[in-house]
Structures are given as structure tokens and as C-alpha cells.
């Protein structure tokens, strides 16, 4: 299996090389050159454990020896606090919640980043060369990346995040580790500012090569593939008579999570539709309603991990929307970088629909879900409860534990939700570094720490 860039200016590479690079040299994102058909495999996968399902799925894409892959996968899912790894709850006959917050940092990002940490460790063992991991986060990615890589020999990890724009507990998960190989970088600006600076650093080929830079953001293809697995797992755990009418409902910011489900469908998973559930920073909602992708201001919200305007994974979707034309994709991305917008004429949203929830909606939805189902949902997942389709079986992806957002939950339903993992952080000292969201400042900081 080879991996190609969405922009067509880089040679195809192996899985291990695509994971190591993160971003393609031409600035594009890696995708499999050939898409396997999983349709005939679904029956064989029905009774597998989560880890075994993940191993079977990755064997279709990965160039690692099977015993090495098996070891990495089993290790990745050994630290989850539920034996099902991704338990699915039936709220009523047409509404299910897929709980993706049972990993070490209580967020769905753990599914991919625990696995990616093992892949990086194997890369270092194989090549003997240390790596420098750089990521940007709007909340949960940073903590999950850090806890996937913490203490791993040969890895230094640098995470950019918008100072004051993540929840206090999300920040503590990044800044209270005490680990010598972890560097949380607080920038004055938005997540989009952090992500833009990150891409500038990755486009500096000389620096990237010199420090062994690799991307931990969802631009890394291993993260998207890892997220495909829980869609397959969820579908296989539905009653057989409900599997033909499923809509996956996905709280969405950077588009990686819902893209993974759509990719699984492209490979043969029989999902009917996907709903992109946004907060008040609704660039994706507007796109799926109108076909116009246009930047707007970022407004801090109750669901901070979705406070995004530039969805970095959207380029992969655009590539397919444009008939897998690297030339057209490159032109659209250049136009968007220049003008902050582009528009598709005759746009058809296909299997996608979208919904929007502002802060008032989020509070209302948390209350409604508690009253109707006696279930407490975090602010991001609350967005997914807007506009449930009564004609479909809804599988809602619950992306974070509500204890990560205690003030919003308390204000909404008057309940204090806690978790022992988070409580332990409250007395730990915060260690963070203030850095400008500029290429030169970030590179200088990384050089100073690696030296």
C-alpha cells in the first residue's frame, strides 16, 4: 500500500514514511493510493474485540510485520477504563451514544494518539533516529498527544494551544505532566493561528529534516485510519435490523473525526448518512448548507475544541469532491489561502447534512438530554443532539467526558461531575511556555530545548 499527496507534488510513500512525515513535502495530506473493500470482511469482524478489530483493519494499510502491529495495537488499548474500549449505550430504540472518552485523557483523541505513540516508538527503534513531534490543539488533541508520547525514549513533543481558549482542565492535562520531554506552548491568538504557524514550520524542509519533525495533528493519516475503526465497531454492535438505516452524528471542528466515518463508508461500511454537528463557529455548517467555504471570526464557546474556522482535514474531502484531482485541489487551497473563501457551483452535500448549536443551545441540550434520558453529556456532544432525524437510527459520537467541562455542566443542570484523573491535576503546578504564533519563534524555541 502506497500513500499519495492530495496536491500531487510528492512521490508515493509507504505507510511508515507517511506516518513519520505527517504532512507531505508539497504541503498536501496523505491518502491511501488504493482503497480496500471491507464489505466481505464485516461478517468475519463481528465478534472481534476492539483491539483485534483495529489490528485486522490496520493490516490492510500497514507495512509493519504482523507481530509488531499486534503488539502496538494491544498496548495502545490497554489503558482504557472500559473493557469494551468504546461502549455503546442505547438511550432509546432510535438513539445510541458511542462513548469515546474512556482513554487516559477522557477524550476521543486517545483512540488515535495512543496508537500513534506506539508507531513513533517503533519508528525510533527501527531507524535509531529521535523525533520531534509538533502539534496544535484547540483542547483535547494536545493532552491526548502528550499522554500518548509521554516518557517515550527518543521523543520530544511540542504542543501549541491558544492561551485562555481551552478549558482549565484541558490546559492542566497538558501542563501538569512533569515530564521532561513535554513542552506546552501557549500562544496569544486562536487555534487557527496556531495551526497556520504549525504548517509554516512543516513547510520549512531544512528545519523539518534537521530536527526529525513529525505531525501529531489529525493531518497524520494514522490518526484518521485509527478513527475509522470505532465506526466499524459501532456498526457491528448495533442490532442487525437497525444497521441499514444509520446516521452517525459527529461533533465536528477539524473535520478529522467525521472524515474517518466517511472514509469507512467509502470502504464499504453501510452507513446511510453523517451529520456534521458544529457549535457557533459554524464554517462547516455553512459549507454543507450552501457550498461556500468562507472564513469568519472565531468566537470562544462552551465547546472550545470546536472553536475552529480552518478545518485542516477538509482538504482530504475536497480532493474527493473534485474527482481526486490533485491539480484542482491545489488550486482551491491556494485560492482559500489567498482569499479566505471558495465556492462550489452545483454543490451536492451527498451523505452529509449539518446542524449548528450556539452556547444557549448547548445549555438547553444538556438539560434536555439529562431530563429525557438521565444522561449527562459534555458541551461538544450536546451539539450532536440538535436536529436528530426521526427517520434514522442515530449513533451519536460522545467525544469527551463531561467532567472536563464542570462549570458548563453545573450551570446547565446544577450537578458537579468529577473524575479522579482530573481531580488529581488540580493541585499540580502548571508549566507552560509563552511563544508567538510565528514560524521563527517556534523554531527558535524548539532548537533551544533540543540543544
Protein backbone atom coordinates (compact mmCIF):
# COMPACT_ATOMS: atom_id res chain seq x y z
CA UNK A 1 0.00 0.00 0.00
CA UNK A 2 1.38 3.40 -1.03
CA UNK A 3 0.24 6.86 0.10
CA UNK A 4 -0.17 9.86 -2.17
CA UNK A 5 -0.47 13.60 -1.52
CA UNK A 6 -3.73 15.48 -2.12
CA UNK A 7 -1.67 18.07 -4.02
CA UNK A 8 0.13 15.63 -6.33
CA UNK A 9 3.60 17.10 -5.97
CA UNK A 10 5.21 14.34 -3.91
CA UNK A 11 6.20 10.79 -4.71
CA UNK A 12 4.07 7.97 -3.23
CA UNK A 13 5.47 6.69 0.08
CA UNK A 14 4.99 3.74 2.41
CA UNK A 15 2.71 3.75 5.44
CA UNK A 16 5.65 4.16 7.82
CA UNK A 17 7.02 7.07 5.80
CA UNK A 18 3.62 8.77 5.62
CA UNK A 19 3.25 8.46 9.41
CA UNK A 20 6.77 9.75 10.02
CA UNK A 21 6.30 12.79 7.77
CA UNK A 22 2.73 13.70 8.74
CA UNK A 23 2.48 16.41 6.10
CA UNK A 24 3.59 15.66 2.53
CA UNK A 25 6.59 17.68 1.21
CA UNK A 26 4.31 19.56 -1.22
CA UNK A 27 2.09 20.73 1.67
CA UNK A 28 -0.65 18.22 0.91
CA UNK A 29 -2.15 15.48 3.06
CA UNK A 30 -1.51 11.79 2.58
CA UNK A 31 -4.23 9.37 1.45
CA UNK A 32 -4.09 5.66 0.52
CA UNK A 33 -3.44 5.18 -3.18
CA UNK A 34 -5.86 2.23 -3.22
CA UNK A 35 -8.95 1.84 -1.02
CA UNK A 36 -9.68 -1.70 0.18
CA UNK A 37 -13.22 -3.09 0.14
CA UNK A 38 -14.11 -4.16 3.69
CA UNK A 39 -17.62 -5.37 2.78
CA UNK A 40 -16.72 -9.09 2.71
CA UNK A 41 -14.76 -8.73 5.96
CA UNK A 42 -17.50 -7.28 8.15
CA UNK A 43 -19.06 -10.66 8.97
CA UNK A 44 -15.64 -12.02 9.98
CA UNK A 45 -15.01 -8.99 12.20
CA UNK A 46 -18.35 -9.11 14.02
CA UNK A 47 -17.19 -10.83 17.22
CA UNK A 48 -13.68 -9.41 17.48
CA UNK A 49 -12.52 -7.41 20.47
CA UNK A 50 -11.82 -3.75 19.81
CA UNK A 51 -8.04 -4.28 19.72
CA UNK A 52 -8.35 -7.29 17.41
CA UNK A 53 -10.65 -5.33 15.08
CA UNK A 54 -8.15 -2.49 14.97
CA UNK A 55 -5.33 -4.90 14.17
CA UNK A 56 -7.28 -6.52 11.33
CA UNK A 57 -8.20 -3.14 9.89
CA UNK A 58 -4.67 -1.71 10.07
CA UNK A 59 -3.24 -4.84 8.47
CA UNK A 60 -4.93 -3.64 5.26
CA UNK A 61 -2.89 -0.42 5.30
CA UNK A 62 0.28 -1.02 7.29
CA UNK A 63 3.74 -2.22 6.24
CA UNK A 64 4.80 -3.34 9.73
CA UNK A 65 5.27 -7.05 10.47
CA UNK A 66 2.07 -8.52 11.88
CA UNK A 67 3.57 -9.35 15.27
CA UNK A 68 4.85 -5.78 15.65
CA UNK A 69 1.49 -4.32 14.65
CA UNK A 70 -0.29 -6.63 17.10
CA UNK A 71 1.98 -5.56 19.96
CA UNK A 72 1.48 -1.84 19.23
CA UNK A 73 -2.31 -2.13 18.98
CA UNK A 74 -2.73 -4.20 22.14
CA UNK A 75 -0.54 -1.77 24.08
CA UNK A 76 -2.50 1.22 22.75
CA UNK A 77 -5.81 0.00 24.13
CA UNK A 78 -4.52 -1.42 27.42
CA UNK A 79 -5.03 1.86 29.31
CA UNK A 80 -8.75 2.35 28.66
CA UNK A 81 -11.05 2.12 31.68
CA UNK A 82 -13.84 0.21 29.90
CA UNK A 83 -13.42 -3.41 28.79
CA UNK A 84 -15.41 -2.57 25.63
CA UNK A 85 -12.96 0.32 24.92
CA UNK A 86 -15.76 2.16 23.06
CA UNK A 87 -19.02 1.15 24.81
CA UNK A 88 -22.29 1.98 23.08
CA UNK A 89 -25.35 2.92 25.12
CA UNK A 90 -28.93 2.65 23.90
CA UNK A 91 -30.83 5.77 25.03
CA UNK A 92 -33.96 4.73 23.16
CA UNK A 93 -34.81 2.49 20.21
CA UNK A 94 -33.53 5.06 17.68
CA UNK A 95 -30.79 6.81 19.66
CA UNK A 96 -27.41 5.40 20.66
CA UNK A 97 -24.36 7.05 22.20
CA UNK A 98 -20.89 5.76 21.34
CA UNK A 99 -18.73 6.71 24.34
CA UNK A 100 -15.24 7.63 23.13
CA UNK A 101 -13.93 9.07 26.40
CA UNK A 102 -12.63 6.03 28.27
CA UNK A 103 -8.97 6.57 27.39
CA UNK A 104 -6.22 8.16 29.53
CA UNK A 105 -7.24 11.78 28.78
CA UNK A 106 -11.02 11.18 28.66
CA UNK A 107 -11.41 12.23 25.01
CA UNK A 108 -11.84 10.54 21.64
CA UNK A 109 -8.36 11.64 20.57
CA UNK A 110 -6.91 8.86 22.75
CA UNK A 111 -8.06 6.24 20.23
CA UNK A 112 -5.63 7.51 17.61
CA UNK A 113 -2.89 9.03 19.73
CA UNK A 114 -2.22 6.05 21.99
CA UNK A 115 -1.71 4.10 18.76
CA UNK A 116 0.38 6.81 17.11
CA UNK A 117 2.68 6.89 20.14
CA UNK A 118 3.45 3.21 19.61
CA UNK A 119 4.03 3.75 15.89
CA UNK A 120 6.50 6.54 16.64
CA UNK A 121 8.30 4.37 19.20
CA UNK A 122 8.65 1.59 16.64
CA UNK A 123 9.97 4.09 14.08
CA UNK A 124 12.68 5.24 16.50
CA UNK A 125 13.60 1.64 17.34
CA UNK A 126 13.88 0.81 13.64
CA UNK A 127 15.79 3.90 12.47
CA UNK A 128 17.72 4.84 15.60
CA UNK A 129 16.83 8.49 14.97
CA UNK A 130 14.99 10.61 17.58
CA UNK A 131 11.91 12.52 16.51
CA UNK A 132 10.45 15.90 17.35
CA UNK A 133 6.66 15.94 17.44
CA UNK A 134 4.85 19.22 16.82
CA UNK A 135 1.11 19.66 17.15
CA UNK A 136 -1.55 22.33 17.56
CA UNK A 137 -4.67 21.87 19.64
CA UNK A 138 -7.98 23.51 20.41
CA UNK A 139 -8.24 21.39 23.54
CA UNK A 140 -8.22 17.60 23.55
CA UNK A 141 -5.62 16.77 20.88
CA UNK A 142 -2.79 18.28 22.91
CA UNK A 143 -3.50 16.30 26.06
CA UNK A 144 -4.05 13.06 24.15
CA UNK A 145 -0.87 13.54 22.11
CA UNK A 146 1.16 14.24 25.22
CA UNK A 147 -0.18 11.20 27.04
CA UNK A 148 0.44 9.03 24.00
CA UNK A 149 4.09 10.07 23.90
CA UNK A 150 4.95 10.94 27.48
CA UNK A 151 8.19 9.34 28.64
CA UNK A 152 8.84 7.55 25.32
CA UNK A 153 12.56 7.41 24.64
CA UNK A 154 13.76 9.48 21.70
CA UNK A 155 10.64 11.70 21.51
CA UNK A 156 10.25 15.37 22.36
CA UNK A 157 6.77 16.81 21.99
CA UNK A 158 5.79 20.46 21.47
CA UNK A 159 2.09 21.41 21.55
CA UNK A 160 0.76 24.83 20.50
CA UNK A 161 -2.53 25.92 22.06
CA UNK A 162 -4.47 29.22 22.27
CA UNK A 163 -3.85 30.66 25.73
CA UNK A 164 -7.13 31.21 27.62
CA UNK A 165 -9.21 29.47 24.92
CA UNK A 166 -9.15 25.89 26.21
CA UNK A 167 -10.92 24.71 29.34
CA UNK A 168 -8.88 24.93 32.60
CA UNK A 169 -8.84 21.15 32.95
CA UNK A 170 -7.80 20.65 29.33
CA UNK A 171 -4.90 23.01 29.99
CA UNK A 172 -3.93 21.16 33.16
CA UNK A 173 -3.82 17.87 31.27
CA UNK A 174 -1.16 19.42 29.03
CA UNK A 175 0.78 21.49 31.52
CA UNK A 176 0.85 19.38 34.71
CA UNK A 177 2.64 16.26 33.45
CA UNK A 178 6.05 16.98 35.00
CA UNK A 179 7.59 15.16 32.00
CA UNK A 180 10.95 16.33 30.69
CA UNK A 181 10.04 15.60 27.05
CA UNK A 182 6.80 17.65 27.03
CA UNK A 183 6.63 21.35 26.10
CA UNK A 184 3.18 23.05 26.07
CA UNK A 185 3.42 26.30 24.07
CA UNK A 186 0.74 28.89 24.88
CA UNK A 187 0.18 31.35 22.02
CA UNK A 188 -1.70 34.63 22.05
CA UNK A 189 -4.36 34.00 19.42
CA UNK A 190 -6.78 31.36 18.17
CA UNK A 191 -6.36 27.70 17.30
CA UNK A 192 -6.33 28.71 13.62
CA UNK A 193 -3.33 30.98 14.34
CA UNK A 194 -1.54 28.05 15.98
CA UNK A 195 -2.37 25.72 13.11
CA UNK A 196 -1.24 28.23 10.50
CA UNK A 197 2.12 28.66 12.27
CA UNK A 198 2.47 24.88 12.54
CA UNK A 199 2.03 24.48 8.79
CA UNK A 200 4.65 27.18 8.16
CA UNK A 201 7.12 25.25 10.31
CA UNK A 202 6.38 22.00 8.47
CA UNK A 203 6.93 23.73 5.15
CA UNK A 204 10.49 24.59 6.23
CA UNK A 205 12.09 21.46 4.75
CA UNK A 206 15.57 22.13 6.14
CA UNK A 207 14.34 22.60 9.72
CA UNK A 208 11.98 19.64 9.44
CA UNK A 209 14.80 17.39 8.32
CA UNK A 210 17.28 18.66 10.88
CA UNK A 211 15.12 18.05 13.94
CA UNK A 212 13.22 15.00 12.66
CA UNK A 213 9.88 16.80 12.75
CA UNK A 214 6.64 14.82 12.65
CA UNK A 215 2.99 15.87 12.88
CA UNK A 216 0.70 14.64 15.61
CA UNK A 217 -2.36 16.56 14.41
CA UNK A 218 -5.15 14.84 12.54
CA UNK A 219 -3.32 15.68 9.32
CA UNK A 220 -1.41 12.46 10.12
CA UNK A 221 -3.02 9.63 8.15
CA UNK A 222 -2.54 7.13 11.00
CA UNK A 223 -4.90 9.18 13.14
CA UNK A 224 -7.67 9.14 10.55
CA UNK A 225 -7.31 5.40 9.97
CA UNK A 226 -7.41 4.73 13.72
CA UNK A 227 -10.66 6.66 13.96
CA UNK A 228 -12.24 4.61 11.16
CA UNK A 229 -12.15 1.62 13.49
CA UNK A 230 -14.70 2.85 16.02
CA UNK A 231 -17.28 3.50 13.28
CA UNK A 232 -16.95 -0.13 12.19
CA UNK A 233 -17.04 -1.25 15.84
CA UNK A 234 -20.22 0.78 16.48
CA UNK A 235 -21.99 -0.52 13.38
CA UNK A 236 -21.15 -4.13 14.30
CA UNK A 237 -22.61 -3.59 17.79
CA UNK A 238 -25.98 -2.35 16.55
CA UNK A 239 -28.92 -4.78 16.33
CA UNK A 240 -28.89 -6.33 12.86
CA UNK A 241 -32.30 -4.88 11.97
CA UNK A 242 -31.02 -1.32 12.55
CA UNK A 243 -27.76 -1.43 10.62
CA UNK A 244 -29.23 -0.43 7.26
CA UNK A 245 -30.57 2.93 8.45
CA UNK A 246 -27.76 4.52 10.47
CA UNK A 247 -26.81 8.17 10.67
CA UNK A 248 -23.59 8.88 12.54
CA UNK A 249 -23.81 12.23 14.32
CA UNK A 250 -20.40 13.76 14.93
CA UNK A 251 -19.39 16.87 16.94
CA UNK A 252 -17.05 18.50 14.46
CA UNK A 253 -14.29 21.09 14.48
CA UNK A 254 -11.27 19.99 12.47
CA UNK A 255 -13.27 17.54 10.30
CA UNK A 256 -10.98 14.59 11.02
CA UNK A 257 -13.47 12.65 13.13
CA UNK A 258 -16.37 12.72 10.68
CA UNK A 259 -13.98 12.27 7.73
CA UNK A 260 -12.89 8.95 9.25
CA UNK A 261 -16.50 7.73 9.24
CA UNK A 262 -16.99 8.85 5.66
CA UNK A 263 -13.77 7.05 4.65
CA UNK A 264 -15.05 3.87 6.34
CA UNK A 265 -18.23 4.22 4.28
CA UNK A 266 -16.15 4.59 1.09
CA UNK A 267 -14.54 1.25 2.01
CA UNK A 268 -17.91 -0.46 2.34
CA UNK A 269 -19.33 0.30 5.78
CA UNK A 270 -23.12 0.54 5.17
CA UNK A 271 -23.77 3.89 6.87
CA UNK A 272 -26.66 5.90 5.40
CA UNK A 273 -25.52 9.39 6.35
CA UNK A 274 -23.37 11.61 8.53
CA UNK A 275 -24.40 14.76 10.36
CA UNK A 276 -21.72 17.36 10.97
CA UNK A 277 -22.67 18.93 14.32
CA UNK A 278 -20.98 22.31 14.81
CA UNK A 279 -21.06 24.93 17.53
CA UNK A 280 -21.39 28.67 16.84
CA UNK A 281 -18.10 28.60 14.91
CA UNK A 282 -20.02 27.11 12.04
CA UNK A 283 -17.89 27.28 8.89
CA UNK A 284 -18.65 23.62 8.12
CA UNK A 285 -22.37 24.06 8.78
CA UNK A 286 -22.42 26.96 6.32
CA UNK A 287 -20.47 24.94 3.76
CA UNK A 288 -22.82 21.95 3.81
CA UNK A 289 -25.81 24.28 3.59
CA UNK A 290 -24.53 26.50 0.78
CA UNK A 291 -21.42 25.01 -0.83
CA UNK A 292 -19.42 28.08 0.20
CA UNK A 293 -16.40 27.64 2.50
CA UNK A 294 -15.59 31.05 3.98
CA UNK A 295 -13.61 32.21 6.98
CA UNK A 296 -15.33 34.10 9.76
CA UNK A 297 -14.28 35.31 13.21
CA UNK A 298 -13.68 32.69 15.93
CA UNK A 299 -15.92 33.17 18.95
CA UNK A 300 -14.95 31.44 22.23
CA UNK A 301 -17.66 28.99 23.21
CA UNK A 302 -18.80 26.38 25.73
CA UNK A 303 -17.37 23.76 23.34
CA UNK A 304 -13.78 25.05 22.91
CA UNK A 305 -12.41 22.08 20.96
CA UNK A 306 -14.72 23.13 18.12
CA UNK A 307 -13.66 26.80 18.10
CA UNK A 308 -12.12 26.45 14.65
CA UNK A 309 -12.55 28.13 11.27
CA UNK A 310 -9.88 26.36 9.18
CA UNK A 311 -10.63 22.61 9.33
CA UNK A 312 -7.26 21.13 8.37
CA UNK A 313 -8.67 17.74 7.34
CA UNK A 314 -11.15 19.32 4.96
CA UNK A 315 -8.53 19.22 2.21
CA UNK A 316 -8.88 15.44 2.05
CA UNK A 317 -12.63 15.76 1.48
CA UNK A 318 -12.12 18.50 -1.13
CA UNK A 319 -9.78 16.16 -3.02
CA UNK A 320 -12.59 13.63 -3.43
CA UNK A 321 -15.19 16.32 -4.06
CA UNK A 322 -13.03 17.44 -7.01
CA UNK A 323 -12.86 13.97 -8.53
CA UNK A 324 -9.49 13.09 -6.93
CA UNK A 325 -7.80 15.83 -8.94
CA UNK A 326 -4.60 16.97 -7.24
CA UNK A 327 -4.35 19.92 -9.64
CA UNK A 328 -7.82 21.22 -8.76
CA UNK A 329 -7.25 20.61 -5.05
CA UNK A 330 -4.01 22.57 -5.15
CA UNK A 331 -5.77 25.46 -6.91
CA UNK A 332 -8.63 25.55 -4.38
CA UNK A 333 -6.24 25.51 -1.41
CA UNK A 334 -4.18 28.31 -2.95
CA UNK A 335 -7.33 30.36 -3.51
CA UNK A 336 -8.52 29.74 0.04
CA UNK A 337 -5.15 30.79 1.47
CA UNK A 338 -5.27 33.98 -0.62
CA UNK A 339 -8.96 34.96 -0.34
CA UNK A 340 -10.23 33.10 2.73
CA UNK A 341 -13.07 31.53 0.75
CA UNK A 342 -14.09 29.37 -2.18
CA UNK A 343 -17.41 28.16 -3.54
CA UNK A 344 -18.55 25.02 -5.38
CA UNK A 345 -21.20 25.59 -8.03
CA UNK A 346 -23.95 22.98 -8.10
CA UNK A 347 -22.81 21.66 -4.75
CA UNK A 348 -24.47 18.45 -3.52
CA UNK A 349 -23.83 17.56 0.12
CA UNK A 350 -24.41 13.88 -0.64
CA UNK A 351 -24.47 11.74 2.51
CA UNK A 352 -23.67 14.75 4.70
CA UNK A 353 -26.01 17.10 6.49
CA UNK A 354 -25.16 19.65 9.15
CA UNK A 355 -26.51 21.27 12.29
CA UNK A 356 -25.48 24.19 14.48
CA UNK A 357 -25.71 24.86 18.22
CA UNK A 358 -24.69 28.13 19.90
CA UNK A 359 -23.91 28.41 23.61
CA UNK A 360 -27.56 28.85 24.60
CA UNK A 361 -28.44 25.76 22.56
CA UNK A 362 -25.68 23.77 24.25
CA UNK A 363 -27.00 24.56 27.73
CA UNK A 364 -30.54 23.74 26.63
CA UNK A 365 -29.49 20.45 25.05
CA UNK A 366 -27.52 19.34 28.12
CA UNK A 367 -30.69 19.94 30.17
CA UNK A 368 -32.94 18.14 27.69
CA UNK A 369 -30.70 15.08 27.45
CA UNK A 370 -30.50 14.85 31.24
CA UNK A 371 -34.27 15.16 31.63
CA UNK A 372 -35.17 12.77 28.81
CA UNK A 373 -32.51 10.08 29.23
CA UNK A 374 -30.94 10.74 32.66
CA UNK A 375 -27.64 11.04 30.82
CA UNK A 376 -25.03 13.79 31.25
CA UNK A 377 -23.27 14.89 28.10
CA UNK A 378 -20.31 17.21 27.62
CA UNK A 379 -20.82 20.51 25.68
CA UNK A 380 -19.37 19.15 22.41
CA UNK A 381 -21.54 16.05 22.39
CA UNK A 382 -24.55 18.19 23.30
CA UNK A 383 -24.24 19.84 19.87
CA UNK A 384 -24.92 16.45 18.30
CA UNK A 385 -28.35 16.17 19.96
CA UNK A 386 -29.68 19.04 17.85
CA UNK A 387 -31.92 18.02 14.94
CA UNK A 388 -31.92 14.23 15.38
CA UNK A 389 -33.50 12.63 12.31
CA UNK A 390 -36.65 10.73 13.39
CA UNK A 391 -36.42 8.58 10.27
CA UNK A 392 -32.91 7.31 11.05
CA UNK A 393 -31.16 5.38 13.81
CA UNK A 394 -28.78 7.97 15.27
CA UNK A 395 -25.39 6.93 16.60
CA UNK A 396 -24.03 9.96 18.44
CA UNK A 397 -20.29 10.11 18.98
CA UNK A 398 -19.63 11.28 22.54
CA UNK A 399 -16.24 12.88 22.24
CA UNK A 400 -15.29 13.87 25.82
CA UNK A 401 -16.14 13.15 29.43
CA UNK A 402 -18.42 15.85 30.90
CA UNK A 403 -16.08 16.22 33.91
CA UNK A 404 -13.67 18.11 31.64
CA UNK A 405 -16.18 21.00 31.49
CA UNK A 406 -17.52 21.25 35.06
CA UNK A 407 -18.65 24.89 35.02
CA UNK A 408 -20.83 24.45 31.91
CA UNK A 409 -22.40 21.27 33.32
CA UNK A 410 -23.00 22.90 36.71
CA UNK A 411 -24.62 25.96 35.13
CA UNK A 412 -26.81 23.78 32.91
CA UNK A 413 -28.12 21.13 35.32
CA UNK A 414 -26.76 22.08 38.76
CA UNK A 415 -24.68 18.91 39.03
CA UNK A 416 -20.97 18.60 39.83
CA UNK A 417 -19.47 15.94 37.57
CA UNK A 418 -15.98 14.83 38.55
CA UNK A 419 -13.39 12.27 37.55
CA UNK A 420 -10.48 11.08 39.68
CA UNK A 421 -7.97 11.59 36.85
CA UNK A 422 -8.88 15.27 36.61
CA UNK A 423 -9.20 15.86 40.35
CA UNK A 424 -5.61 14.73 40.80
CA UNK A 425 -4.42 17.53 38.49
CA UNK A 426 -5.91 20.40 40.48
CA UNK A 427 -3.02 20.66 42.94
CA UNK A 428 -0.26 20.20 40.37
CA UNK A 429 1.87 23.18 39.24
CA UNK A 430 1.24 24.45 35.70
CA UNK A 431 4.32 24.57 33.47
CA UNK A 432 3.83 26.26 30.11
CA UNK A 433 5.85 28.43 27.74
CA UNK A 434 4.61 31.59 26.00
CA UNK A 435 5.60 31.67 22.34
CA UNK A 436 4.46 33.83 19.44
CA UNK A 437 2.45 32.03 16.78
CA UNK A 438 5.21 32.64 14.26
CA UNK A 439 7.46 30.20 12.45
CA UNK A 440 10.73 31.79 13.60
CA UNK A 441 9.70 31.93 17.26
CA UNK A 442 8.54 28.31 17.32
CA UNK A 443 11.66 27.04 15.56
CA UNK A 444 13.92 29.01 17.94
CA UNK A 445 12.13 27.58 20.96
CA UNK A 446 12.40 24.01 19.66
CA UNK A 447 16.10 24.48 18.87
CA UNK A 448 16.74 25.81 22.38
CA UNK A 449 15.16 22.76 24.03
CA UNK A 450 16.72 20.17 21.74
CA UNK A 451 20.12 21.72 22.30
